[in-house]
Structure formats: structure tokens, C-alpha cells
PDB file of N, CA and C in Angstrom:
ATOM      1  N   MET A   1      32.701 125.899 208.958  1.00  0.00           N
ATOM      2  CA  MET A   1      33.724 126.403 207.918  1.00  0.00           C
ATOM      3  C   MET A   1      33.833 127.965 207.813  1.00  0.00           C
ATOM      4  N   ALA A   2      33.111 128.921 208.383  1.00  0.00           N
ATOM      5  CA  ALA A   2      32.814 130.378 208.512  1.00  0.00           C
ATOM      6  C   ALA A   2      34.039 130.881 209.272  1.00  0.00           C
ATOM      7  N   MET A   3      34.484 130.006 210.205  1.00  0.00           N
ATOM      8  CA  MET A   3      35.642 130.432 211.366  1.00  0.00           C
ATOM      9  C   MET A   3      36.746 131.279 210.460  1.00  0.00           C
ATOM     10  N   PRO A   4      37.541 130.549 209.788  1.00  0.00           N
ATOM     11  CA  PRO A   4      38.557 131.234 209.004  1.00  0.00           C
ATOM     12  C   PRO A   4      38.391 132.639 208.472  1.00  0.00           C
ATOM     13  N   THR A   5      37.237 132.760 207.802  1.00  0.00           N
ATOM     14  CA  THR A   5      36.895 133.984 207.032  1.00  0.00           C
ATOM     15  C   THR A   5      36.474 135.022 208.151  1.00  0.00           C
ATOM     16  N   LYS A   6      35.958 134.419 209.361  1.00  0.00           N
ATOM     17  CA  LYS A   6      35.667 135.678 210.334  1.00  0.00           C
ATOM     18  C   LYS A   6      37.055 135.942 210.920  1.00  0.00           C
ATOM     19  N   SER A   7      37.989 134.861 211.261  1.00  0.00           N
ATOM     20  CA  SER A   7      39.118 135.323 211.561  1.00  0.00           C
ATOM     21  C   SER A   7      40.061 136.035 211.030  1.00  0.00           C
ATOM     22  N   PHE A   8      40.014 135.855 209.534  1.00  0.00           N
ATOM     23  CA  PHE A   8      40.673 136.702 208.589  1.00  0.00           C
ATOM     24  C   PHE A   8      40.225 138.498 208.637  1.00  0.00           C
ATOM     25  N   HIS A   9      38.996 138.204 208.745  1.00  0.00           N
ATOM     26  CA  HIS A   9      38.518 139.810 208.675  1.00  0.00           C
ATOM     27  C   HIS A   9      38.804 140.366 210.197  1.00  0.00           C
ATOM     28  N   ARG A  10      38.821 139.571 211.402  1.00  0.00           N
ATOM     29  CA  ARG A  10      39.257 140.246 212.666  1.00  0.00           C
ATOM     30  C   ARG A  10      40.390 140.410 212.527  1.00  0.00           C
ATOM     31  N   THR A  11      41.395 139.954 211.999  1.00  0.00           N
ATOM     32  CA  THR A  11      42.913 140.226 211.888  1.00  0.00           C
ATOM     33  C   THR A  11      43.050 141.629 210.922  1.00  0.00           C
ATOM     34  N   ASP A  12      42.064 141.533 209.975  1.00  0.00           N
ATOM     35  CA  ASP A  12      42.365 142.949 209.265  1.00  0.00           C
ATOM     36  C   ASP A  12      41.878 144.126 209.859  1.00  0.00           C
ATOM     37  N   ARG A  13      40.648 143.775 210.709  1.00  0.00           N
ATOM     38  CA  ARG A  13      40.080 145.071 211.542  1.00  0.00           C
ATOM     39  C   ARG A  13      41.077 145.313 212.540  1.00  0.00           C
ATOM     40  N   VAL A  14      41.583 144.425 213.355  1.00  0.00           N
ATOM     41  CA  VAL A  14      42.549 144.735 214.346  1.00  0.00           C
ATOM     42  C   VAL A  14      43.973 145.390 213.656  1.00  0.00           C
ATOM     43  N   SER A  15      44.281 145.130 212.573  1.00  0.00           N
ATOM     44  CA  SER A  15      45.675 145.636 212.212  1.00  0.00           C
ATOM     45  C   SER A  15      44.977 146.933 211.497  1.00  0.00           C
ATOM     46  N   ALA A  16      43.991 147.592 211.019  1.00  0.00           N
ATOM     47  CA  ALA A  16      43.571 148.500 210.701  1.00  0.00           C
ATOM     48  C   ALA A  16      43.398 149.334 212.067  1.00  0.00           C
ATOM     49  N   GLN A  17      42.800 148.900 212.873  1.00  0.00           N
ATOM     50  CA  GLN A  17      42.964 149.634 214.195  1.00  0.00           C
ATOM     51  C   GLN A  17      44.377 150.111 214.855  1.00  0.00           C
ATOM     52  N   LEU A  18      45.076 149.186 214.969  1.00  0.00           N
ATOM     53  CA  LEU A  18      46.372 149.321 215.598  1.00  0.00           C
ATOM     54  C   LEU A  18      47.075 150.350 214.729  1.00  0.00           C
ATOM     55  N   ARG A  19      47.056 150.391 213.214  1.00  0.00           N
ATOM     56  CA  ARG A  19      47.707 150.970 212.373  1.00  0.00           C
ATOM     57  C   ARG A  19      47.374 152.768 212.486  1.00  0.00           C
ATOM     58  N   ARG A  20      45.902 152.736 212.860  1.00  0.00           N
ATOM     59  CA  ARG A  20      45.541 154.121 213.088  1.00  0.00           C
ATOM     60  C   ARG A  20      46.134 154.748 214.635  1.00  0.00           C
ATOM     61  N   GLU A  21      46.171 153.629 215.701  1.00  0.00           N
ATOM     62  CA  GLU A  21      46.569 154.186 217.240  1.00  0.00           C
ATOM     63  C   GLU A  21      47.825 154.339 217.113  1.00  0.00           C
ATOM     64  N   LEU A  22      48.593 153.657 216.342  1.00  0.00           N
ATOM     65  CA  LEU A  22      50.273 153.597 216.346  1.00  0.00           C
ATOM     66  C   LEU A  22      50.781 154.819 215.820  1.00  0.00           C
ATOM     67  N   GLY A  23      49.903 155.269 214.522  1.00  0.00           N
ATOM     68  CA  GLY A  23      50.539 156.393 213.957  1.00  0.00           C
ATOM     69  C   GLY A  23      50.692 157.426 214.869  1.00  0.00           C
ATOM     70  N   THR A  24      49.696 157.770 215.699  1.00  0.00           N
ATOM     71  CA  THR A  24      49.931 158.618 216.727  1.00  0.00           C
ATOM     72  C   THR A  24      51.082 158.412 217.846  1.00  0.00           C
ATOM     73  N   LEU A  25      50.753 157.302 218.192  1.00  0.00           N
ATOM     74  CA  LEU A  25      51.747 156.956 219.298  1.00  0.00           C
ATOM     75  C   LEU A  25      53.049 157.041 219.060  1.00  0.00           C
ATOM     76  N   VAL A  26      53.420 156.157 217.579  1.00  0.00           N
ATOM     77  CA  VAL A  26      54.929 156.478 217.250  1.00  0.00           C
ATOM     78  C   VAL A  26      55.139 157.914 216.996  1.00  0.00           C
ATOM     79  N   HIS A  27      54.481 158.557 216.160  1.00  0.00           N
ATOM     80  CA  HIS A  27      54.829 160.250 216.073  1.00  0.00           C
ATOM     81  C   HIS A  27      55.419 160.809 217.444  1.00  0.00           C
ATOM     82  N   GLU A  28      54.306 160.582 218.558  1.00  0.00           N
ATOM     83  CA  GLU A  28      54.862 161.048 219.754  1.00  0.00           C
ATOM     84  C   GLU A  28      56.159 160.589 220.248  1.00  0.00           C
ATOM     85  N   ALA A  29      56.310 159.176 220.187  1.00  0.00           N
ATOM     86  CA  ALA A  29      57.639 158.646 220.664  1.00  0.00           C
ATOM     87  C   ALA A  29      58.794 159.057 220.126  1.00  0.00           C
ATOM     88  N   VAL A  30      58.596 159.189 218.804  1.00  0.00           N
ATOM     89  CA  VAL A  30      59.752 159.530 218.176  1.00  0.00           C
ATOM     90  C   VAL A  30      60.148 161.408 218.371  1.00  0.00           C
ATOM     91  N   ARG A  31      58.936 162.228 218.452  1.00  0.00           N
ATOM     92  CA  ARG A  31      59.055 163.327 218.909  1.00  0.00           C
ATOM     93  C   ARG A  31      59.827 163.345 220.388  1.00  0.00           C
ATOM     94  N   GLU A  32      59.414 162.725 221.115  1.00  0.00           N
ATOM     95  CA  GLU A  32      59.896 162.742 222.812  1.00  0.00           C
ATOM     96  C   GLU A  32      61.294 162.245 222.826  1.00  0.00           C
ATOM     97  N   HIS A  33      61.558 161.308 222.056  1.00  0.00           N
ATOM     98  CA  HIS A  33      63.103 160.669 222.093  1.00  0.00           C
ATOM     99  C   HIS A  33      63.895 161.080 221.104  1.00  0.00           C
ATOM    100  N   GLY A  34      63.425 162.080 220.360  1.00  0.00           N
ATOM    101  CA  GLY A  34      64.459 162.607 219.505  1.00  0.00           C
ATOM    102  C   GLY A  34      64.912 161.951 218.394  1.00  0.00           C
ATOM    103  N   LEU A  35      63.853 160.722 217.959  1.00  0.00           N
ATOM    104  CA  LEU A  35      64.410 159.619 216.950  1.00  0.00           C
ATOM    105  C   LEU A  35      64.076 160.275 215.705  1.00  0.00           C
ATOM    106  N   PRO A  36      64.569 159.888 214.445  1.00  0.00           N
ATOM    107  CA  PRO A  36      64.349 160.304 213.236  1.00  0.00           C
ATOM    108  C   PRO A  36      63.028 160.273 212.772  1.00  0.00           C
ATOM    109  N   SER A  37      62.257 160.912 212.134  1.00  0.00           N
ATOM    110  CA  SER A  37      60.713 160.835 211.693  1.00  0.00           C
ATOM    111  C   SER A  37      60.472 159.684 211.343  1.00  0.00           C
ATOM    112  N   VAL A  38      59.592 158.945 211.645  1.00  0.00           N
ATOM    113  CA  VAL A  38      58.632 157.921 210.622  1.00  0.00           C
ATOM    114  C   VAL A  38      57.537 158.050 210.735  1.00  0.00           C
ATOM    115  N   SER A  39      56.710 157.195 209.816  1.00  0.00           N
ATOM    116  CA  SER A  39      55.306 157.166 209.949  1.00  0.00           C
ATOM    117  C   SER A  39      55.195 155.684 209.744  1.00  0.00           C
ATOM    118  N   VAL A  40      53.902 155.208 210.187  1.00  0.00           N
ATOM    119  CA  VAL A  40      53.554 153.929 210.315  1.00  0.00           C
ATOM    120  C   VAL A  40      52.910 153.687 208.849  1.00  0.00           C
ATOM    121  N   SER A  41      53.554 152.585 208.202  1.00  0.00           N
ATOM    122  CA  SER A  41      52.702 152.463 206.659  1.00  0.00           C
ATOM    123  C   SER A  41      51.868 151.308 206.703  1.00  0.00           C
ATOM    124  N   ASP A  42      52.211 150.244 207.608  1.00  0.00           N
ATOM    125  CA  ASP A  42      51.301 148.952 207.730  1.00  0.00           C
ATOM    126  C   ASP A  42      51.463 148.720 209.208  1.00  0.00           C
ATOM    127  N   VAL A  43      50.562 147.407 209.387  1.00  0.00           N
ATOM    128  CA  VAL A  43      50.428 146.673 210.509  1.00  0.00           C
ATOM    129  C   VAL A  43      49.899 145.172 210.116  1.00  0.00           C
ATOM    130  N   GLU A  44      50.798 144.216 210.405  1.00  0.00           N
ATOM    131  CA  GLU A  44      50.235 142.916 210.202  1.00  0.00           C
ATOM    132  C   GLU A  44      50.192 142.286 211.414  1.00  0.00           C
ATOM    133  N   VAL A  45      49.069 141.636 211.659  1.00  0.00           N
ATOM    134  CA  VAL A  45      48.770 140.988 212.886  1.00  0.00           C
ATOM    135  C   VAL A  45      48.824 139.319 212.684  1.00  0.00           C
ATOM    136  N   THR A  46      49.341 138.720 213.703  1.00  0.00           N
ATOM    137  CA  THR A  46      49.122 137.209 213.631  1.00  0.00           C
ATOM    138  C   THR A  46      47.591 136.875 213.834  1.00  0.00           C
ATOM    139  N   ARG A  47      47.296 135.592 213.181  1.00  0.00           N
ATOM    140  CA  ARG A  47      46.052 134.989 213.467  1.00  0.00           C
ATOM    141  C   ARG A  47      45.676 134.936 215.114  1.00  0.00           C
ATOM    142  N   ASP A  48      46.610 134.566 216.097  1.00  0.00           N
ATOM    143  CA  ASP A  48      46.197 134.486 217.363  1.00  0.00           C
ATOM    144  C   ASP A  48      46.050 136.123 218.042  1.00  0.00           C
ATOM    145  N   LEU A  49      46.466 136.795 217.245  1.00  0.00           N
ATOM    146  CA  LEU A  49      46.620 138.349 217.558  1.00  0.00           C
ATOM    147  C   LEU A  49      47.758 138.493 218.755  1.00  0.00           C
ATOM    148  N   ALA A  50      48.743 137.727 218.838  1.00  0.00           N
ATOM    149  CA  ALA A  50      49.746 137.891 219.944  1.00  0.00           C
ATOM    150  C   ALA A  50      50.873 138.828 219.613  1.00  0.00           C
ATOM    151  N   HIS A  51      51.129 138.552 217.944  1.00  0.00           N
ATOM    152  CA  HIS A  51      52.239 139.822 217.588  1.00  0.00           C
ATOM    153  C   HIS A  51      51.508 140.506 216.502  1.00  0.00           C
ATOM    154  N   ALA A  52      52.398 141.711 216.480  1.00  0.00           N
ATOM    155  CA  ALA A  52      51.993 142.678 215.561  1.00  0.00           C
ATOM    156  C   ALA A  52      53.383 143.019 214.655  1.00  0.00           C
ATOM    157  N   LYS A  53      53.476 142.914 213.265  1.00  0.00           N
ATOM    158  CA  LYS A  53      54.541 143.428 212.814  1.00  0.00           C
ATOM    159  C   LYS A  53      54.285 144.996 212.303  1.00  0.00           C
ATOM    160  N   VAL A  54      55.101 145.992 212.904  1.00  0.00           N
ATOM    161  CA  VAL A  54      54.723 147.251 212.669  1.00  0.00           C
ATOM    162  C   VAL A  54      55.808 147.799 211.504  1.00  0.00           C
ATOM    163  N   PHE A  55      55.289 148.234 210.377  1.00  0.00           N
ATOM    164  CA  PHE A  55      55.905 148.664 209.207  1.00  0.00           C
ATOM    165  C   PHE A  55      56.088 150.158 209.231  1.00  0.00           C
ATOM    166  N   VAL A  56      57.508 150.773 209.152  1.00  0.00           N
ATOM    167  CA  VAL A  56      57.296 152.158 209.142  1.00  0.00           C
ATOM    168  C   VAL A  56      58.356 152.567 208.173  1.00  0.00           C
ATOM    169  N   THR A  57      58.049 153.967 207.516  1.00  0.00           N
ATOM    170  CA  THR A  57      58.669 154.481 206.597  1.00  0.00           C
ATOM    171  C   THR A  57      59.706 155.592 207.089  1.00  0.00           C
ATOM    172  N   ALA A  58      60.700 156.044 206.682  1.00  0.00           N
ATOM    173  CA  ALA A  58      61.405 157.233 207.194  1.00  0.00           C
ATOM    174  C   ALA A  58      61.216 158.181 206.266  1.00  0.00           C
ATOM    175  N   LEU A  59      61.579 159.437 206.876  1.00  0.00           N
ATOM    176  CA  LEU A  59      61.603 160.761 206.107  1.00  0.00           C
ATOM    177  C   LEU A  59      62.700 160.666 205.600  1.00  0.00           C
ATOM    178  N   MET A  60      63.661 160.396 206.351  1.00  0.00           N
ATOM    179  CA  MET A  60      65.300 160.305 205.862  1.00  0.00           C
ATOM    180  C   MET A  60      65.938 158.810 205.928  1.00  0.00           C
ATOM    181  N   PRO A  61      65.621 158.216 204.635  1.00  0.00           N
ATOM    182  CA  PRO A  61      65.949 156.932 204.797  1.00  0.00           C
ATOM    183  C   PRO A  61      67.552 156.363 205.097  1.00  0.00           C
ATOM    184  N   GLU A  62      67.942 157.260 205.084  1.00  0.00           N
ATOM    185  CA  GLU A  62      69.659 156.981 205.522  1.00  0.00           C
ATOM    186  C   GLU A  62      69.471 156.895 207.110  1.00  0.00           C
ATOM    187  N   ARG A  63      68.582 157.246 207.898  1.00  0.00           N
ATOM    188  CA  ARG A  63      68.562 157.149 209.181  1.00  0.00           C
ATOM    189  C   ARG A  63      67.568 156.189 209.723  1.00  0.00           C
ATOM    190  N   SER A  64      66.746 155.400 208.656  1.00  0.00           N
ATOM    191  CA  SER A  64      65.779 154.471 209.086  1.00  0.00           C
ATOM    192  C   SER A  64      66.399 153.318 210.125  1.00  0.00           C
ATOM    193  N   THR A  65      67.773 152.889 209.964  1.00  0.00           N
ATOM    194  CA  THR A  65      68.049 151.575 211.130  1.00  0.00           C
ATOM    195  C   THR A  65      68.059 152.348 212.396  1.00  0.00           C
ATOM    196  N   GLU A  66      68.495 153.746 212.640  1.00  0.00           N
ATOM    197  CA  GLU A  66      68.743 154.318 213.890  1.00  0.00           C
ATOM    198  C   GLU A  66      67.168 154.445 214.400  1.00  0.00           C
ATOM    199  N   ALA A  67      66.021 154.919 213.682  1.00  0.00           N
ATOM    200  CA  ALA A  67      64.862 154.868 213.944  1.00  0.00           C
ATOM    201  C   ALA A  67      64.128 153.576 214.429  1.00  0.00           C
ATOM    202  N   VAL A  68      64.414 152.621 213.585  1.00  0.00           N
ATOM    203  CA  VAL A  68      63.870 151.480 213.907  1.00  0.00           C
ATOM    204  C   VAL A  68      64.429 150.528 215.344  1.00  0.00           C
ATOM    205  N   LYS A  69      65.596 150.767 215.193  1.00  0.00           N
ATOM    206  CA  LYS A  69      66.278 150.474 216.479  1.00  0.00           C
ATOM    207  C   LYS A  69      65.687 151.178 217.919  1.00  0.00           C
ATOM    208  N   GLY A  70      65.583 152.481 217.645  1.00  0.00           N
ATOM    209  CA  GLY A  70      65.200 153.452 219.019  1.00  0.00           C
ATOM    210  C   GLY A  70      63.626 152.905 219.189  1.00  0.00           C
ATOM    211  N   LEU A  71      62.849 152.671 217.916  1.00  0.00           N
ATOM    212  CA  LEU A  71      61.372 152.141 218.052  1.00  0.00           C
ATOM    213  C   LEU A  71      61.150 150.609 219.057  1.00  0.00           C
ATOM    214  N   LYS A  72      62.135 149.820 218.599  1.00  0.00           N
ATOM    215  CA  LYS A  72      62.406 148.577 219.232  1.00  0.00           C
ATOM    216  C   LYS A  72      62.836 148.398 220.721  1.00  0.00           C
ATOM    217  N   GLU A  73      63.503 149.535 221.223  1.00  0.00           N
ATOM    218  CA  GLU A  73      63.825 149.606 222.531  1.00  0.00           C
ATOM    219  C   GLU A  73      62.513 150.284 223.114  1.00  0.00           C
ATOM    220  N   LEU A  74      61.903 151.163 222.497  1.00  0.00           N
ATOM    221  CA  LEU A  74      60.516 151.740 223.053  1.00  0.00           C
ATOM    222  C   LEU A  74      59.235 150.742 223.016  1.00  0.00           C
ATOM    223  N   ALA A  75      59.168 149.644 222.071  1.00  0.00           N
ATOM    224  CA  ALA A  75      58.241 148.848 222.041  1.00  0.00           C
ATOM    225  C   ALA A  75      57.329 148.524 223.449  1.00  0.00           C
ATOM    226  N   PRO A  76      58.057 148.483 224.290  1.00  0.00           N
ATOM    227  CA  PRO A  76      57.131 147.789 225.601  1.00  0.00           C
ATOM    228  C   PRO A  76      56.306 149.064 225.888  1.00  0.00           C
ATOM    229  N   GLN A  77      57.135 150.440 226.121  1.00  0.00           N
ATOM    230  CA  GLN A  77      55.970 151.689 226.512  1.00  0.00           C
ATOM    231  C   GLN A  77      55.077 151.631 225.557  1.00  0.00           C
ATOM    232  N   ILE A  78      55.573 151.983 224.128  1.00  0.00           N
ATOM    233  CA  ILE A  78      54.263 152.087 223.086  1.00  0.00           C
ATOM    234  C   ILE A  78      53.267 150.986 223.147  1.00  0.00           C
ATOM    235  N   ARG A  79      53.575 149.812 223.591  1.00  0.00           N
ATOM    236  CA  ARG A  79      52.673 148.691 223.774  1.00  0.00           C
ATOM    237  C   ARG A  79      51.617 149.040 224.988  1.00  0.00           C
ATOM    238  N   TYR A  80      52.410 149.802 225.953  1.00  0.00           N
ATOM    239  CA  TYR A  80      51.609 149.913 227.102  1.00  0.00           C
ATOM    240  C   TYR A  80      50.461 150.965 226.677  1.00  0.00           C
ATOM    241  N   ALA A  81      50.944 152.187 226.134  1.00  0.00           N
ATOM    242  CA  ALA A  81      50.342 153.205 225.787  1.00  0.00           C
ATOM    243  C   ALA A  81      48.984 152.843 224.747  1.00  0.00           C
ATOM    244  N   LEU A  82      49.331 151.775 223.994  1.00  0.00           N
ATOM    245  CA  LEU A  82      48.467 151.148 223.091  1.00  0.00           C
ATOM    246  C   LEU A  82      47.215 150.447 223.400  1.00  0.00           C
ATOM    247  N   ALA A  83      47.670 149.859 224.922  1.00  0.00           N
ATOM    248  CA  ALA A  83      46.761 148.957 225.439  1.00  0.00           C
ATOM    249  C   ALA A  83      45.729 149.954 226.409  1.00  0.00           C
ATOM    250  N   ARG A  84      46.060 151.164 226.561  1.00  0.00           N
ATOM    251  CA  ARG A  84      45.316 152.261 227.116  1.00  0.00           C
ATOM    252  C   ARG A  84      44.377 152.866 226.028  1.00  0.00           C
ATOM    253  N   ALA A  85      44.940 152.749 224.733  1.00  0.00           N
ATOM    254  CA  ALA A  85      44.034 153.300 223.829  1.00  0.00           C
ATOM    255  C   ALA A  85      43.068 152.212 223.060  1.00  0.00           C
ATOM    256  N   VAL A  86      43.181 151.306 223.066  1.00  0.00           N
ATOM    257  CA  VAL A  86      42.118 150.324 222.524  1.00  0.00           C
ATOM    258  C   VAL A  86      41.732 149.311 223.222  1.00  0.00           C
ATOM    259  N   LYS A  87      40.603 149.013 223.122  1.00  0.00           N
ATOM    260  CA  LYS A  87      39.619 147.968 223.787  1.00  0.00           C
ATOM    261  C   LYS A  87      39.748 146.513 223.437  1.00  0.00           C
ATOM    262  N   MET A  88      41.291 146.377 223.875  1.00  0.00           N
ATOM    263  CA  MET A  88      41.410 144.754 223.594  1.00  0.00           C
ATOM    264  C   MET A  88      41.829 144.237 224.748  1.00  0.00           C
ATOM    265  N   ARG A  89      41.607 142.780 224.870  1.00  0.00           N
ATOM    266  CA  ARG A  89      41.870 142.089 226.256  1.00  0.00           C
ATOM    267  C   ARG A  89      43.372 141.866 226.260  1.00  0.00           C
ATOM    268  N   HIS A  90      43.825 141.493 225.066  1.00  0.00           N
ATOM    269  CA  HIS A  90      45.549 141.438 224.870  1.00  0.00           C
ATOM    270  C   HIS A  90      45.895 142.183 223.760  1.00  0.00           C
ATOM    271  N   VAL A  91      47.033 143.027 224.089  1.00  0.00           N
ATOM    272  CA  VAL A  91      47.368 143.973 222.952  1.00  0.00           C
ATOM    273  C   VAL A  91      48.681 142.962 222.445  1.00  0.00           C
ATOM    274  N   PRO A  92      48.834 143.016 221.281  1.00  0.00           N
ATOM    275  CA  PRO A  92      49.746 142.434 220.671  1.00  0.00           C
ATOM    276  C   PRO A  92      51.359 142.715 220.902  1.00  0.00           C
ATOM    277  N   GLU A  93      52.296 141.811 221.050  1.00  0.00           N
ATOM    278  CA  GLU A  93      53.559 142.297 221.116  1.00  0.00           C
ATOM    279  C   GLU A  93      53.957 142.895 219.918  1.00  0.00           C
ATOM    280  N   LEU A  94      54.718 144.036 220.020  1.00  0.00           N
ATOM    281  CA  LEU A  94      55.123 144.797 218.893  1.00  0.00           C
ATOM    282  C   LEU A  94      56.484 144.728 218.276  1.00  0.00           C
ATOM    283  N   HIS A  95      56.338 144.596 216.812  1.00  0.00           N
ATOM    284  CA  HIS A  95      57.874 144.266 216.176  1.00  0.00           C
ATOM    285  C   HIS A  95      57.923 145.239 215.138  1.00  0.00           C
ATOM    286  N   PHE A  96      58.940 146.200 215.403  1.00  0.00           N
ATOM    287  CA  PHE A  96      59.150 147.033 214.324  1.00  0.00           C
ATOM    288  C   PHE A  96      60.028 146.737 213.130  1.00  0.00           C
ATOM    289  N   HIS A  97      59.535 147.244 211.817  1.00  0.00           N
ATOM    290  CA  HIS A  97      60.322 146.611 210.801  1.00  0.00           C
ATOM    291  C   HIS A  97      60.390 147.844 209.905  1.00  0.00           C
ATOM    292  N   TYR A  98      61.403 148.013 209.172  1.00  0.00           N
ATOM    293  CA  TYR A  98      61.449 149.246 208.089  1.00  0.00           C
ATOM    294  C   TYR A  98      60.939 148.756 206.833  1.00  0.00           C
ATOM    295  N   ASP A  99      60.216 149.642 206.514  1.00  0.00           N
ATOM    296  CA  ASP A  99      59.448 149.461 205.044  1.00  0.00           C
ATOM    297  C   ASP A  99      60.031 150.101 203.989  1.00  0.00           C
ATOM    298  N   ASP A 100      60.724 149.303 203.183  1.00  0.00           N
ATOM    299  CA  ASP A 100      61.601 149.844 202.019  1.00  0.00           C
ATOM    300  C   ASP A 100      61.039 149.845 200.745  1.00  0.00           C
ATOM    301  N   SER A 101      59.648 149.794 200.779  1.00  0.00           N
ATOM    302  CA  SER A 101      58.743 149.456 199.498  1.00  0.00           C
ATOM    303  C   SER A 101      58.662 150.975 199.035  1.00  0.00           C
ATOM    304  N   VAL A 102      58.610 152.033 199.578  1.00  0.00           N
ATOM    305  CA  VAL A 102      58.618 153.473 198.942  1.00  0.00           C
ATOM    306  C   VAL A 102      60.129 153.675 198.531  1.00  0.00           C
ATOM    307  N   ASP A 103      61.182 153.362 199.151  1.00  0.00           N
ATOM    308  CA  ASP A 103      62.459 153.790 198.579  1.00  0.00           C
ATOM    309  C   ASP A 103      62.680 152.510 197.189  1.00  0.00           C
ATOM    310  N   ARG A 104      62.042 151.594 197.291  1.00  0.00           N
ATOM    311  CA  ARG A 104      62.338 150.766 196.232  1.00  0.00           C
ATOM    312  C   ARG A 104      61.497 151.348 194.781  1.00  0.00           C
ATOM    313  N   GLY A 105      60.321 151.748 195.026  1.00  0.00           N
ATOM    314  CA  GLY A 105      59.466 152.448 194.309  1.00  0.00           C
ATOM    315  C   GLY A 105      59.972 153.532 193.655  1.00  0.00           C
ATOM    316  N   GLU A 106      60.820 154.516 194.625  1.00  0.00           N
ATOM    317  CA  GLU A 106      61.552 155.486 194.281  1.00  0.00           C
ATOM    318  C   GLU A 106      62.652 155.174 193.200  1.00  0.00           C
ATOM    319  N   ARG A 107      63.341 154.319 193.481  1.00  0.00           N
ATOM    320  CA  ARG A 107      64.432 153.936 192.875  1.00  0.00           C
ATOM    321  C   ARG A 107      63.852 153.355 191.575  1.00  0.00           C
ATOM    322  N   ILE A 108      62.766 152.655 191.349  1.00  0.00           N
ATOM    323  CA  ILE A 108      62.481 152.043 189.740  1.00  0.00           C
ATOM    324  C   ILE A 108      62.229 153.272 189.213  1.00  0.00           C
ATOM    325  N   GLU A 109      61.448 154.218 189.730  1.00  0.00           N
ATOM    326  CA  GLU A 109      60.991 155.483 189.250  1.00  0.00           C
ATOM    327  C   GLU A 109      62.009 156.125 188.660  1.00  0.00           C
ATOM    328  N   THR A 110      63.270 156.440 189.167  1.00  0.00           N
ATOM    329  CA  THR A 110      64.384 157.190 188.869  1.00  0.00           C
ATOM    330  C   THR A 110      64.961 156.397 187.850  1.00  0.00           C
ATOM    331  N   LEU A 111      65.196 155.034 187.894  1.00  0.00           N
ATOM    332  CA  LEU A 111      65.723 154.148 186.827  1.00  0.00           C
ATOM    333  C   LEU A 111      65.105 154.234 185.400  1.00  0.00           C
ATOM    334  N   LEU A 112      63.668 154.309 185.568  1.00  0.00           N
ATOM    335  CA  LEU A 112      62.852 154.695 184.625  1.00  0.00           C
ATOM    336  C   LEU A 112      63.006 155.800 183.874  1.00  0.00           C
ATOM    337  N   ARG A 113      63.001 156.721 184.747  1.00  0.00           N
ATOM    338  CA  ARG A 113      63.135 158.255 184.105  1.00  0.00           C
ATOM    339  C   ARG A 113      64.376 158.604 183.618  1.00  0.00           C
ATOM    340  N   ASP A 114      65.616 157.774 184.171  1.00  0.00           N
ATOM    341  CA  ASP A 114      66.949 158.214 183.808  1.00  0.00           C
ATOM    342  C   ASP A 114      67.290 157.445 182.386  1.00  0.00           C
ATOM    343  N   ASN A 115      66.666 156.293 182.392  1.00  0.00           N
ATOM    344  CA  ASN A 115      66.877 155.512 180.973  1.00  0.00           C
ATOM    345  C   ASN A 115      65.609 155.018 180.217  1.00  0.00           C
ATOM    346  N   PRO A 116      65.142 156.041 179.424  1.00  0.00           N
ATOM    347  CA  PRO A 116      63.882 156.003 178.615  1.00  0.00           C
ATOM    348  C   PRO A 116      63.921 154.723 177.787  1.00  0.00           C
ATOM    349  N   LEU A 117      63.105 154.363 177.405  1.00  0.00           N
ATOM    350  CA  LEU A 117      63.004 153.199 176.258  1.00  0.00           C
ATOM    351  C   LEU A 117      63.320 153.935 174.980  1.00  0.00           C
ATOM    352  N   PRO A 118      64.217 153.212 174.039  1.00  0.00           N
ATOM    353  CA  PRO A 118      64.398 153.689 172.541  1.00  0.00           C
ATOM    354  C   PRO A 118      63.011 153.587 172.187  1.00  0.00           C
ATOM    355  N   PRO A 119      62.779 154.719 171.263  1.00  0.00           N
ATOM    356  CA  PRO A 119      61.533 154.676 170.305  1.00  0.00           C
ATOM    357  C   PRO A 119      61.593 153.141 169.589  1.00  0.00           C
ATOM    358  N   GLU A 120      60.452 152.795 169.436  1.00  0.00           N
ATOM    359  CA  GLU A 120      60.094 151.346 168.762  1.00  0.00           C
ATOM    360  C   GLU A 120      60.421 151.499 167.430  1.00  0.00           C
ATOM    361  N   SER A 121      60.746 150.641 166.903  1.00  0.00           N
ATOM    362  CA  SER A 121      61.295 150.901 165.272  1.00  0.00           C
ATOM    363  C   SER A 121      60.192 149.689 164.402  1.00  0.00           C
ATOM    364  N   GLY A 122      59.019 150.319 164.268  1.00  0.00           N
ATOM    365  CA  GLY A 122      58.000 149.730 163.782  1.00  0.00           C
ATOM    366  C   GLY A 122      57.989 149.613 162.377  1.00  0.00           C
ATOM    367  N   SER A 123      57.404 148.340 162.052  1.00  0.00           N
ATOM    368  CA  SER A 123      57.234 148.049 160.404  1.00  0.00           C
ATOM    369  C   SER A 123      56.606 148.959 159.746  1.00  0.00           C
ATOM    370  N   ASP A 124      55.949 150.071 160.153  1.00  0.00           N
ATOM    371  CA  ASP A 124      55.051 150.921 159.399  1.00  0.00           C
ATOM    372  C   ASP A 124      55.881 151.804 159.025  1.00  0.00           C
ATOM    373  N   GLN A 125      57.043 152.382 159.413  1.00  0.00           N
ATOM    374  CA  GLN A 125      58.035 153.256 159.210  1.00  0.00           C
ATOM    375  C   GLN A 125      58.883 152.867 157.689  1.00  0.00           C
ATOM    376  N   ASP A 126      58.585 151.735 157.103  1.00  0.00           N
ATOM    377  CA  ASP A 126      59.159 151.346 155.979  1.00  0.00           C
ATOM    378  C   ASP A 126      58.830 152.443 154.649  1.00  0.00           C
TER     379      ASP A 126
END
């Protein structure tokens, strides 16, 4: 029964390693191909390590679709560069996704800031 735990930790370690390496590789790809600036926010690998979801955030959220489309087109080249950077027998297939959690957080923050709660009418004010 120790196997699932070990497998779980392995995917975490692989995700962390891929996140570090992809941070650099994606930055270089964006610069070389004139794509909108993005950064890698998270990487999730499947248990069999065959696929990796790469989540990116965009400096300009309005251009996020363009950035993700470009990264999807460059995925084979990025994967090849990744294979040379990491010591893995099989490098996962890369699937790029936009991470909108930062945008959602900013929207929530703006809503809370622009719509403050009314002061509570406590019973101790009588």
C-alpha cells in the first residue's frame, strides 16, 4: 500500500522540477517568438507522467489567449528543450492553459474595495 503515497510524492517532485525548468524555457520562447509576456504559475503531471498541464499567467490578461495559443504551437519545441534540461526517461506531453486565478482574485479584491460592508448595527448602540 506504500505505492500510491510514493507515486503521489513523485508527481509532486516532477511537477516542481518541471515548473522550475519551464519557467526559464517559456520565458525564452516568449521573448524569441514575440509572444505576450507570461509566467508559469503551476504544473500538474498525470500519475503516469505522460502529460503535464502547464498553467501560465499573463502580464496583460487581455492578450492571454494569444499567448496560450502561441505556447500551444511551440509545445513540441519547448518539450524538446525540456528533455535536454531534465534527467527523465520520458518527458511529459505539455498542455498549456491560462491560469485565471490571479485575475479572479483581483476582481474579488476590487469588488470588496469598491463595495465596503455597511457598519454593523449592533445592539450595544441603544
